[in-house]
Amino acid sequence: MNNLKIRIKMIESGLKQYEVARLLGVSESVFSRKLRDELPEAEQNKIVEIIEKEMNERGTAKCNDCQGINPST
């Protein structure tokens, strides 16, 4: 699965694709297409940082079901 770091962070945060797309300033369909192919590491890290910032602002707790998922596998 492509862009696993982003997908895991979205699950942890509870944010939906359309919400992350809004944070990035793109449409949901554009964001969905971006996730189809592996993004460069720098772009993935930028998106993860944006999700984490939103998590901190919302006070969103991490998902217990996500523990033990290794994005590098």
PDB file of N, CA and C in Angstrom:
ATOM      1  N   MET A   1       0.856  -1.178   0.000  1.00  0.00           N
ATOM      2  CA  MET A   1       0.000   0.000   0.000  1.00  0.00           C
ATOM      3  C   MET A   1       0.900   1.239   0.000  1.00  0.00           C
ATOM      4  N   ASN A   2       0.578   2.187  -0.831  1.00  0.00           N
ATOM      5  CA  ASN A   2       1.370   3.409  -0.955  1.00  0.00           C
ATOM      6  C   ASN A   2       1.073   4.404   0.165  1.00  0.00           C
ATOM      7  N   ASN A   3       2.076   5.178   0.506  1.00  0.00           N
ATOM      8  CA  ASN A   3       1.949   6.278   1.463  1.00  0.00           C
ATOM      9  C   ASN A   3       1.408   5.822   2.818  1.00  0.00           C
ATOM     10  N   LEU A   4       1.954   4.720   3.291  1.00  0.00           N
ATOM     11  CA  LEU A   4       1.460   4.118   4.523  1.00  0.00           C
ATOM     12  C   LEU A   4       1.593   5.047   5.729  1.00  0.00           C
ATOM     13  N   LYS A   5       2.686   5.824   5.769  1.00  0.00           N
ATOM     14  CA  LYS A   5       2.856   6.771   6.891  1.00  0.00           C
ATOM     15  C   LYS A   5       1.678   7.730   6.984  1.00  0.00           C
ATOM     16  N   ILE A   6       1.255   8.250   5.848  1.00  0.00           N
ATOM     17  CA  ILE A   6       0.138   9.196   5.817  1.00  0.00           C
ATOM     18  C   ILE A   6      -1.146   8.491   6.225  1.00  0.00           C
ATOM     19  N   ARG A   7      -1.369   7.319   5.685  1.00  0.00           N
ATOM     20  CA  ARG A   7      -2.604   6.587   5.972  1.00  0.00           C
ATOM     21  C   ARG A   7      -2.707   6.224   7.452  1.00  0.00           C
ATOM     22  N   ILE A   8      -1.600   5.795   8.037  1.00  0.00           N
ATOM     23  CA  ILE A   8      -1.603   5.466   9.468  1.00  0.00           C
ATOM     24  C   ILE A   8      -1.871   6.706  10.297  1.00  0.00           C
ATOM     25  N   LYS A   9      -1.238   7.815   9.945  1.00  0.00           N
ATOM     26  CA  LYS A   9      -1.438   9.060  10.693  1.00  0.00           C
ATOM     27  C   LYS A   9      -2.886   9.527  10.582  1.00  0.00           C
ATOM     28  N   MET A  10      -3.511   9.315   9.430  1.00  0.00           N
ATOM     29  CA  MET A  10      -4.925   9.679   9.280  1.00  0.00           C
ATOM     30  C   MET A  10      -5.799   8.826  10.193  1.00  0.00           C
ATOM     31  N   ILE A  11      -5.488   7.531  10.287  1.00  0.00           N
ATOM     32  CA  ILE A  11      -6.251   6.650  11.178  1.00  0.00           C
ATOM     33  C   ILE A  11      -6.053   7.075  12.629  1.00  0.00           C
ATOM     34  N   GLU A  12      -4.808   7.329  13.001  1.00  0.00           N
ATOM     35  CA  GLU A  12      -4.517   7.760  14.377  1.00  0.00           C
ATOM     36  C   GLU A  12      -5.261   9.029  14.740  1.00  0.00           C
ATOM     37  N   SER A  13      -5.336   9.952  13.794  1.00  0.00           N
ATOM     38  CA  SER A  13      -5.938  11.257  14.063  1.00  0.00           C
ATOM     39  C   SER A  13      -7.447  11.233  13.981  1.00  0.00           C
ATOM     40  N   GLY A  14      -7.986  10.248  13.259  1.00  0.00           N
ATOM     41  CA  GLY A  14      -9.428  10.220  13.047  1.00  0.00           C
ATOM     42  C   GLY A  14      -9.881  11.142  11.935  1.00  0.00           C
ATOM     43  N   LEU A  15      -8.929  11.753  11.225  1.00  0.00           N
ATOM     44  CA  LEU A  15      -9.272  12.650  10.131  1.00  0.00           C
ATOM     45  C   LEU A  15      -9.612  11.848   8.884  1.00  0.00           C
ATOM     46  N   LYS A  16     -10.584  12.316   8.154  1.00  0.00           N
ATOM     47  CA  LYS A  16     -10.981  11.708   6.889  1.00  0.00           C
ATOM     48  C   LYS A  16     -10.160  12.330   5.756  1.00  0.00           C
ATOM     49  N   GLN A  17     -10.162  11.651   4.600  1.00  0.00           N
ATOM     50  CA  GLN A  17      -9.406  12.167   3.459  1.00  0.00           C
ATOM     51  C   GLN A  17      -9.835  13.577   3.092  1.00  0.00           C
ATOM     52  N   TYR A  18     -11.135  13.849   3.097  1.00  0.00           N
ATOM     53  CA  TYR A  18     -11.592  15.179   2.708  1.00  0.00           C
ATOM     54  C   TYR A  18     -11.109  16.247   3.689  1.00  0.00           C
ATOM     55  N   GLU A  19     -10.964  15.883   4.963  1.00  0.00           N
ATOM     56  CA  GLU A  19     -10.486  16.846   5.952  1.00  0.00           C
ATOM     57  C   GLU A  19      -9.007  17.155   5.738  1.00  0.00           C
ATOM     58  N   VAL A  20      -8.216  16.116   5.463  1.00  0.00           N
ATOM     59  CA  VAL A  20      -6.793  16.330   5.186  1.00  0.00           C
ATOM     60  C   VAL A  20      -6.639  17.139   3.899  1.00  0.00           C
ATOM     61  N   ALA A  21      -7.459  16.829   2.904  1.00  0.00           N
ATOM     62  CA  ALA A  21      -7.414  17.578   1.647  1.00  0.00           C
ATOM     63  C   ALA A  21      -7.660  19.068   1.895  1.00  0.00           C
ATOM     64  N   ARG A  22      -8.635  19.371   2.722  1.00  0.00           N
ATOM     65  CA  ARG A  22      -8.915  20.782   3.042  1.00  0.00           C
ATOM     66  C   ARG A  22      -7.720  21.441   3.725  1.00  0.00           C
ATOM     67  N   LEU A  23      -7.090  20.710   4.632  1.00  0.00           N
ATOM     68  CA  LEU A  23      -5.912  21.259   5.316  1.00  0.00           C
ATOM     69  C   LEU A  23      -4.793  21.544   4.324  1.00  0.00           C
ATOM     70  N   LEU A  24      -4.712  20.731   3.269  1.00  0.00           N
ATOM     71  CA  LEU A  24      -3.674  20.910   2.247  1.00  0.00           C
ATOM     72  C   LEU A  24      -4.078  21.930   1.188  1.00  0.00           C
ATOM     73  N   GLY A  25      -5.347  22.326   1.184  1.00  0.00           N
ATOM     74  CA  GLY A  25      -5.814  23.291   0.199  1.00  0.00           C
ATOM     75  C   GLY A  25      -6.068  22.682  -1.170  1.00  0.00           C
ATOM     76  N   VAL A  26      -6.406  21.373  -1.203  1.00  0.00           N
ATOM     77  CA  VAL A  26      -6.729  20.698  -2.457  1.00  0.00           C
ATOM     78  C   VAL A  26      -8.077  20.004  -2.307  1.00  0.00           C
ATOM     79  N   SER A  27      -8.637  19.588  -3.437  1.00  0.00           N
ATOM     80  CA  SER A  27      -9.907  18.872  -3.375  1.00  0.00           C
ATOM     81  C   SER A  27      -9.669  17.441  -2.896  1.00  0.00           C
ATOM     82  N   GLU A  28     -10.743  16.812  -2.437  1.00  0.00           N
ATOM     83  CA  GLU A  28     -10.646  15.425  -1.978  1.00  0.00           C
ATOM     84  C   GLU A  28     -10.179  14.508  -3.107  1.00  0.00           C
ATOM     85  N   SER A  29     -10.659  14.752  -4.314  1.00  0.00           N
ATOM     86  CA  SER A  29     -10.275  13.885  -5.432  1.00  0.00           C
ATOM     87  C   SER A  29      -8.793  14.034  -5.771  1.00  0.00           C
ATOM     88  N   VAL A  30      -8.262  15.251  -5.674  1.00  0.00           N
ATOM     89  CA  VAL A  30      -6.831  15.460  -5.930  1.00  0.00           C
ATOM     90  C   VAL A  30      -6.006  14.734  -4.872  1.00  0.00           C
ATOM     91  N   PHE A  31      -6.397  14.852  -3.613  1.00  0.00           N
ATOM     92  CA  PHE A  31      -5.657  14.192  -2.543  1.00  0.00           C
ATOM     93  C   PHE A  31      -5.722  12.676  -2.700  1.00  0.00           C
ATOM     94  N   SER A  32      -6.893  12.163  -3.045  1.00  0.00           N
ATOM     95  CA  SER A  32      -7.046  10.728  -3.248  1.00  0.00           C
ATOM     96  C   SER A  32      -6.133  10.233  -4.366  1.00  0.00           C
ATOM     97  N   ARG A  33      -6.057  10.979  -5.451  1.00  0.00           N
ATOM     98  CA  ARG A  33      -5.171  10.596  -6.560  1.00  0.00           C
ATOM     99  C   ARG A  33      -3.712  10.653  -6.150  1.00  0.00           C
ATOM    100  N   LYS A  34      -3.353  11.642  -5.327  1.00  0.00           N
ATOM    101  CA  LYS A  34      -1.967  11.745  -4.870  1.00  0.00           C
ATOM    102  C   LYS A  34      -1.561  10.512  -4.070  1.00  0.00           C
ATOM    103  N   LEU A  35      -2.502   9.951  -3.314  1.00  0.00           N
ATOM    104  CA  LEU A  35      -2.200   8.806  -2.466  1.00  0.00           C
ATOM    105  C   LEU A  35      -2.059   7.501  -3.245  1.00  0.00           C
ATOM    106  N   ARG A  36      -2.470   7.485  -4.495  1.00  0.00           N
ATOM    107  CA  ARG A  36      -2.398   6.252  -5.299  1.00  0.00           C
ATOM    108  C   ARG A  36      -0.965   5.800  -5.543  1.00  0.00           C
ATOM    109  N   ASP A  37      -0.082   6.761  -5.772  1.00  0.00           N
ATOM    110  CA  ASP A  37       1.324   6.462  -6.028  1.00  0.00           C
ATOM    111  C   ASP A  37       2.161   6.968  -4.865  1.00  0.00           C
ATOM    112  N   GLU A  38       3.260   6.285  -4.614  1.00  0.00           N
ATOM    113  CA  GLU A  38       4.134   6.657  -3.496  1.00  0.00           C
ATOM    114  C   GLU A  38       4.663   8.081  -3.697  1.00  0.00           C
ATOM    115  N   LEU A  39       4.426   8.918  -2.701  1.00  0.00           N
ATOM    116  CA  LEU A  39       4.905  10.297  -2.744  1.00  0.00           C
ATOM    117  C   LEU A  39       6.354  10.355  -2.269  1.00  0.00           C
ATOM    118  N   PRO A  40       7.089  11.389  -2.685  1.00  0.00           N
ATOM    119  CA  PRO A  40       8.446  11.561  -2.161  1.00  0.00           C
ATOM    120  C   PRO A  40       8.408  11.693  -0.630  1.00  0.00           C
ATOM    121  N   GLU A  41       9.455  11.225   0.004  1.00  0.00           N
ATOM    122  CA  GLU A  41       9.539  11.232   1.471  1.00  0.00           C
ATOM    123  C   GLU A  41       9.266  12.626   2.051  1.00  0.00           C
ATOM    124  N   ALA A  42       9.823  13.646   1.428  1.00  0.00           N
ATOM    125  CA  ALA A  42       9.649  15.021   1.931  1.00  0.00           C
ATOM    126  C   ALA A  42       8.178  15.437   1.907  1.00  0.00           C
ATOM    127  N   GLU A  43       7.466  15.084   0.848  1.00  0.00           N
ATOM    128  CA  GLU A  43       6.047  15.441   0.751  1.00  0.00           C
ATOM    129  C   GLU A  43       5.222  14.653   1.767  1.00  0.00           C
ATOM    130  N   GLN A  44       5.558  13.370   1.952  1.00  0.00           N
ATOM    131  CA  GLN A  44       4.866  12.581   2.971  1.00  0.00           C
ATOM    132  C   GLN A  44       5.061  13.191   4.353  1.00  0.00           C
ATOM    133  N   ASN A  45       6.302  13.570   4.652  1.00  0.00           N
ATOM    134  CA  ASN A  45       6.594  14.166   5.964  1.00  0.00           C
ATOM    135  C   ASN A  45       5.837  15.463   6.166  1.00  0.00           C
ATOM    136  N   LYS A  46       5.713  16.268   5.120  1.00  0.00           N
ATOM    137  CA  LYS A  46       4.973  17.535   5.206  1.00  0.00           C
ATOM    138  C   LYS A  46       3.508  17.267   5.540  1.00  0.00           C
ATOM    139  N   ILE A  47       2.917  16.285   4.868  1.00  0.00           N
ATOM    140  CA  ILE A  47       1.511  15.962   5.101  1.00  0.00           C
ATOM    141  C   ILE A  47       1.320  15.403   6.513  1.00  0.00           C
ATOM    142  N   VAL A  48       2.229  14.541   6.953  1.00  0.00           N
ATOM    143  CA  VAL A  48       2.157  13.996   8.313  1.00  0.00           C
ATOM    144  C   VAL A  48       2.258  15.123   9.340  1.00  0.00           C
ATOM    145  N   GLU A  49       3.136  16.083   9.119  1.00  0.00           N
ATOM    146  CA  GLU A  49       3.267  17.220  10.037  1.00  0.00           C
ATOM    147  C   GLU A  49       1.976  18.027  10.103  1.00  0.00           C
ATOM    148  N   ILE A  50       1.333  18.227   8.967  1.00  0.00           N
ATOM    149  CA  ILE A  50       0.069  18.972   8.935  1.00  0.00           C
ATOM    150  C   ILE A  50      -1.004  18.221   9.710  1.00  0.00           C
ATOM    151  N   ILE A  51      -1.054  16.896   9.547  1.00  0.00           N
ATOM    152  CA  ILE A  51      -2.026  16.082  10.286  1.00  0.00           C
ATOM    153  C   ILE A  51      -1.731  16.158  11.784  1.00  0.00           C
ATOM    154  N   GLU A  52      -0.453  16.049  12.161  1.00  0.00           N
ATOM    155  CA  GLU A  52      -0.085  16.124  13.584  1.00  0.00           C
ATOM    156  C   GLU A  52      -0.438  17.477  14.175  1.00  0.00           C
ATOM    157  N   LYS A  53      -0.228  18.538  13.423  1.00  0.00           N
ATOM    158  CA  LYS A  53      -0.584  19.881  13.905  1.00  0.00           C
ATOM    159  C   LYS A  53      -2.082  19.961  14.164  1.00  0.00           C
ATOM    160  N   GLU A  54      -2.864  19.423  13.247  1.00  0.00           N
ATOM    161  CA  GLU A  54      -4.323  19.422  13.429  1.00  0.00           C
ATOM    162  C   GLU A  54      -4.716  18.565  14.630  1.00  0.00           C
ATOM    163  N   MET A  55      -4.038  17.429  14.810  1.00  0.00           N
ATOM    164  CA  MET A  55      -4.301  16.574  15.972  1.00  0.00           C
ATOM    165  C   MET A  55      -4.058  17.353  17.263  1.00  0.00           C
ATOM    166  N   ASN A  56      -2.948  18.094  17.314  1.00  0.00           N
ATOM    167  CA  ASN A  56      -2.616  18.868  18.509  1.00  0.00           C
ATOM    168  C   ASN A  56      -3.641  19.963  18.764  1.00  0.00           C
ATOM    169  N   GLU A  57      -4.092  20.613  17.691  1.00  0.00           N
ATOM    170  CA  GLU A  57      -5.087  21.676  17.846  1.00  0.00           C
ATOM    171  C   GLU A  57      -6.427  21.131  18.312  1.00  0.00           C
ATOM    172  N   ARG A  58      -6.779  19.944  17.827  1.00  0.00           N
ATOM    173  CA  ARG A  58      -8.050  19.327  18.215  1.00  0.00           C
ATOM    174  C   ARG A  58      -7.939  18.560  19.522  1.00  0.00           C
ATOM    175  N   GLY A  59      -6.702  18.246  19.920  1.00  0.00           N
ATOM    176  CA  GLY A  59      -6.523  17.419  21.098  1.00  0.00           C
ATOM    177  C   GLY A  59      -6.903  15.973  20.830  1.00  0.00           C
ATOM    178  N   THR A  60      -6.750  15.548  19.570  1.00  0.00           N
ATOM    179  CA  THR A  60      -7.118  14.197  19.168  1.00  0.00           C
ATOM    180  C   THR A  60      -6.144  13.189  19.754  1.00  0.00           C
ATOM    181  N   ALA A  61      -6.687  12.167  20.402  1.00  0.00           N
ATOM    182  CA  ALA A  61      -5.852  11.097  20.951  1.00  0.00           C
ATOM    183  C   ALA A  61      -5.504  10.109  19.859  1.00  0.00           C
ATOM    184  N   LYS A  62      -4.381   9.438  20.045  1.00  0.00           N
ATOM    185  CA  LYS A  62      -3.983   8.426  19.075  1.00  0.00           C
ATOM    186  C   LYS A  62      -4.890   7.206  19.193  1.00  0.00           C
ATOM    187  N   CYS A  63      -5.085   6.570  18.076  1.00  0.00           N
ATOM    188  CA  CYS A  63      -5.931   5.380  17.969  1.00  0.00           C
ATOM    189  C   CYS A  63      -5.218   4.177  18.595  1.00  0.00           C
ATOM    190  N   ASN A  64      -5.844   3.526  19.562  1.00  0.00           N
ATOM    191  CA  ASN A  64      -5.244   2.346  20.192  1.00  0.00           C
ATOM    192  C   ASN A  64      -5.110   1.188  19.215  1.00  0.00           C
ATOM    193  N   ASP A  65      -6.008   1.097  18.227  1.00  0.00           N
ATOM    194  CA  ASP A  65      -5.961   0.020  17.250  1.00  0.00           C
ATOM    195  C   ASP A  65      -4.756   0.128  16.344  1.00  0.00           C
ATOM    196  N   CYS A  66      -4.109   1.301  16.309  1.00  0.00           N
ATOM    197  CA  CYS A  66      -2.988   1.531  15.392  1.00  0.00           C
ATOM    198  C   CYS A  66      -1.662   1.143  16.018  1.00  0.00           C
ATOM    199  N   GLN A  67      -1.637   0.844  17.291  1.00  0.00           N
ATOM    200  CA  GLN A  67      -0.386   0.506  17.946  1.00  0.00           C
ATOM    201  C   GLN A  67       0.175  -0.759  17.338  1.00  0.00           C
ATOM    202  N   GLY A  68       1.469  -0.764  17.098  1.00  0.00           N
ATOM    203  CA  GLY A  68       2.109  -1.933  16.550  1.00  0.00           C
ATOM    204  C   GLY A  68       2.158  -1.969  15.037  1.00  0.00           C
ATOM    205  N   ILE A  69       1.520  -1.006  14.362  1.00  0.00           N
ATOM    206  CA  ILE A  69       1.588  -0.942  12.909  1.00  0.00           C
ATOM    207  C   ILE A  69       2.897  -0.261  12.545  1.00  0.00           C
ATOM    208  N   ASN A  70       3.688  -0.923  11.727  1.00  0.00           N
ATOM    209  CA  ASN A  70       4.989  -0.390  11.350  1.00  0.00           C
ATOM    210  C   ASN A  70       4.942   0.143   9.924  1.00  0.00           C
ATOM    211  N   PRO A  71       4.982   1.471   9.721  1.00  0.00           N
ATOM    212  CA  PRO A  71       4.865   2.025   8.380  1.00  0.00           C
ATOM    213  C   PRO A  71       6.053   1.704   7.478  1.00  0.00           C
ATOM    214  N   SER A  72       7.147   1.199   8.033  1.00  0.00           N
ATOM    215  CA  SER A  72       8.311   0.920   7.210  1.00  0.00           C
ATOM    216  C   SER A  72       8.297  -0.484   6.620  1.00  0.00           C
ATOM    217  N   THR A  73       7.262  -1.270   6.948  1.00  0.00           N
ATOM    218  CA  THR A  73       7.193  -2.628   6.400  1.00  0.00           C
ATOM    219  C   THR A  73       6.364  -2.682   5.147  1.00  0.00           C
TER     220      THR A  73
END
